[in-house]
Amino acid sequence: MVPDRYTLEKMALAHRQQLQREAECEQMLGELPGHSSHWMRHMAAKLGTSLIALGTRLIPSREQRDIPRFGEMN
């Protein structure tokens, strides 16, 4: 069943209003302070610190097993 012109116009108007509300919500979220970017920088820093600590702990075990470092070929 095909809706009549009046019903189609009402449906289109409701759809445009819904899109407008969604756009306004996204704009309001975009204006908030960068809380999520701060969280991402914090997590990246924690990950970097953990990787450096892991690498530092692995260096003595590499030297004990006499494994050459990258670029140190005999």
C-alpha atoms as a PDB file:
ATOM      1  CA  MET A   1       0.000   0.000   0.000  1.00  0.00           C
ATOM      2  CA  VAL A   2       1.390   3.369  -1.031  1.00  0.00           C
ATOM      3  CA  PRO A   3       0.754   6.208   1.453  1.00  0.00           C
ATOM      4  CA  ASP A   4      -0.981   9.316   0.172  1.00  0.00           C
ATOM      5  CA  ARG A   5       0.812  12.622  -0.342  1.00  0.00           C
ATOM      6  CA  TYR A   6      -0.218  14.011   3.060  1.00  0.00           C
ATOM      7  CA  THR A   7       1.144  10.968   4.918  1.00  0.00           C
ATOM      8  CA  LEU A   8       4.399  11.055   2.917  1.00  0.00           C
ATOM      9  CA  GLU A   9       4.887  14.734   3.767  1.00  0.00           C
ATOM     10  CA  LYS A  10       4.243  14.042   7.469  1.00  0.00           C
ATOM     11  CA  MET A  11       6.721  11.147   7.407  1.00  0.00           C
ATOM     12  CA  ALA A  12       9.341  13.287   5.665  1.00  0.00           C
ATOM     13  CA  LEU A  13       8.834  16.095   8.193  1.00  0.00           C
ATOM     14  CA  ALA A  14       9.205  13.681  11.121  1.00  0.00           C
ATOM     15  CA  HIS A  15      12.366  12.233   9.565  1.00  0.00           C
ATOM     16  CA  ARG A  16      13.892  15.699   9.051  1.00  0.00           C
ATOM     17  CA  GLN A  17      13.088  16.619  12.649  1.00  0.00           C
ATOM     18  CA  GLN A  18      14.764  13.441  13.894  1.00  0.00           C
ATOM     19  CA  LEU A  19      17.870  14.181  11.815  1.00  0.00           C
ATOM     20  CA  GLN A  20      17.912  17.740  13.164  1.00  0.00           C
ATOM     21  CA  ARG A  21      17.753  16.479  16.769  1.00  0.00           C
ATOM     22  CA  GLU A  22      20.603  14.041  16.114  1.00  0.00           C
ATOM     23  CA  ALA A  23      22.717  16.781  14.527  1.00  0.00           C
ATOM     24  CA  GLU A  24      22.098  19.077  17.501  1.00  0.00           C
ATOM     25  CA  CYS A  25      23.128  16.319  19.929  1.00  0.00           C
ATOM     26  CA  GLU A  26      26.335  15.646  17.996  1.00  0.00           C
ATOM     27  CA  GLN A  27      27.104  19.357  17.920  1.00  0.00           C
ATOM     28  CA  MET A  28      26.608  19.629  21.678  1.00  0.00           C
ATOM     29  CA  LEU A  29      28.896  16.632  22.229  1.00  0.00           C
ATOM     30  CA  GLY A  30      31.508  18.217  19.983  1.00  0.00           C
ATOM     31  CA  GLU A  31      31.482  21.357  22.101  1.00  0.00           C
ATOM     32  CA  LEU A  32      32.287  19.462  25.299  1.00  0.00           C
ATOM     33  CA  PRO A  33      35.869  19.583  26.593  1.00  0.00           C
ATOM     34  CA  GLY A  34      38.134  16.905  25.163  1.00  0.00           C
ATOM     35  CA  HIS A  35      37.601  14.396  27.946  1.00  0.00           C
ATOM     36  CA  SER A  36      37.939  11.378  25.656  1.00  0.00           C
ATOM     37  CA  SER A  37      41.101  12.691  24.000  1.00  0.00           C
ATOM     38  CA  HIS A  38      42.623  13.252  27.448  1.00  0.00           C
ATOM     39  CA  TRP A  39      41.766   9.659  28.349  1.00  0.00           C
ATOM     40  CA  MET A  40      43.354   8.361  25.133  1.00  0.00           C
ATOM     41  CA  ARG A  41      46.581  10.311  25.744  1.00  0.00           C
ATOM     42  CA  HIS A  42      46.693   8.999  29.305  1.00  0.00           C
ATOM     43  CA  MET A  43      46.225   5.388  28.165  1.00  0.00           C
ATOM     44  CA  ALA A  44      48.833   5.764  25.406  1.00  0.00           C
ATOM     45  CA  ALA A  45      51.324   7.139  27.942  1.00  0.00           C
ATOM     46  CA  LYS A  46      50.641   4.236  30.314  1.00  0.00           C
ATOM     47  CA  LEU A  47      51.110   1.736  27.481  1.00  0.00           C
ATOM     48  CA  GLY A  48      54.369   3.382  26.408  1.00  0.00           C
ATOM     49  CA  THR A  49      55.698   3.337  29.958  1.00  0.00           C
ATOM     50  CA  SER A  50      54.789  -0.340  30.300  1.00  0.00           C
ATOM     51  CA  LEU A  51      56.510  -1.247  27.027  1.00  0.00           C
ATOM     52  CA  ILE A  52      59.670   0.620  28.005  1.00  0.00           C
ATOM     53  CA  ALA A  53      59.710  -1.129  31.380  1.00  0.00           C
ATOM     54  CA  LEU A  54      59.256  -4.507  29.684  1.00  0.00           C
ATOM     55  CA  GLY A  55      62.071  -3.789  27.231  1.00  0.00           C
ATOM     56  CA  THR A  56      64.352  -2.720  30.073  1.00  0.00           C
ATOM     57  CA  ARG A  57      63.683  -5.982  31.885  1.00  0.00           C
ATOM     58  CA  LEU A  58      64.334  -8.023  28.739  1.00  0.00           C
ATOM     59  CA  ILE A  59      67.764  -6.478  28.000  1.00  0.00           C
ATOM     60  CA  PRO A  60      69.622  -8.286  30.842  1.00  0.00           C
ATOM     61  CA  SER A  61      68.143 -11.660  29.833  1.00  0.00           C
ATOM     62  CA  ARG A  62      69.232 -11.055  26.225  1.00  0.00           C
ATOM     63  CA  GLU A  63      72.780 -10.311  27.346  1.00  0.00           C
ATOM     64  CA  GLN A  64      72.830 -13.431  29.538  1.00  0.00           C
ATOM     65  CA  ARG A  65      71.906 -15.608  26.559  1.00  0.00           C
ATOM     66  CA  ASP A  66      74.468 -13.804  24.357  1.00  0.00           C
ATOM     67  CA  ILE A  67      71.923 -12.831  21.675  1.00  0.00           C
ATOM     68  CA  PRO A  68      73.250 -10.120  19.347  1.00  0.00           C
ATOM     69  CA  ARG A  69      71.295  -6.863  19.152  1.00  0.00           C
ATOM     70  CA  PHE A  70      69.870  -5.638  15.893  1.00  0.00           C
ATOM     71  CA  GLY A  71      72.732  -4.464  13.691  1.00  0.00           C
ATOM     72  CA  GLU A  72      75.431  -6.277  15.716  1.00  0.00           C
ATOM     73  CA  MET A  73      76.474  -9.123  13.484  1.00  0.00           C
ATOM     74  CA  ASN A  74      79.839 -10.879  13.986  1.00  0.00           C
END
